[in-house]
């Protein structure tokens, strides 16, 4: 039986192994589930009243998606065309987020990375649709929502204590904004470059759990775990499985069933 995300992220157990961007395509999702990771990260866009799993931005109403080639950490996918530093992909058989959540049910948690900018009315629709989706799939406690659009995240947080909402902190400017908040957030998704002594000390002092991204080297993963990271977000399934085996060797288990 899957335990709630808050137990893993805010408790004292071993760090979560989080598969970066593996929720964005069906083949990647299947690979992550077969590997037995603890959590799957998925980039989420809200369009036409529904949530869609992908990193690419859609070109208006055209059935075309575009993104930087450097963001294609697991390849560009089928029916794609390189175009200088970008690539274009046909938006054929798009992946709705409810399909992802259903596939993860009882097998892994979801890290929902909210993409896009939204007007106040669109943000209100986003929050309402999120709550309806998670309620319909009984997934409120199996999801952590993160992102760089903090206004949207606060709207989600203010609506309900579930799901957990973590602020994405990517740059030093983001960090300065974080420490200036009147009260600390429930947690942060922290870029690995922002794990200096003073930054880690602040997170410990304020009791803010943090997930670190994107970590593709074993030594770096172990360093971040030693600093207290509650999750390691990686492109490498073998690294995440190695991390789990190391924890099991110490007599720990993340408890996923």
Foldseek 3Di string as FASTA:
>chain_A
DDDFPCCLQQHDAAAFEEAEQLLQDPVSLVVLLVLQGAEYEFEWEADPLFIFTHDFDDDPPAQKTKDFPVPPLPDDDPQKADDVRMIMHGNPPTHTVLVSVVVCVLRHAYEYEYDDDDDPVVLVSVLVSVVVSCVVVVCQRRYEYEYQPVVSLVVNVVVDVTPAYAYEQEDVVSVVVQVPDPAHGQAYAYELVQDDPVSLVVCVVNSHAYEYDDDADLVSVVVVVVSPHNYYYYNDSVSSSVSQVVSVVVVGHSDRD
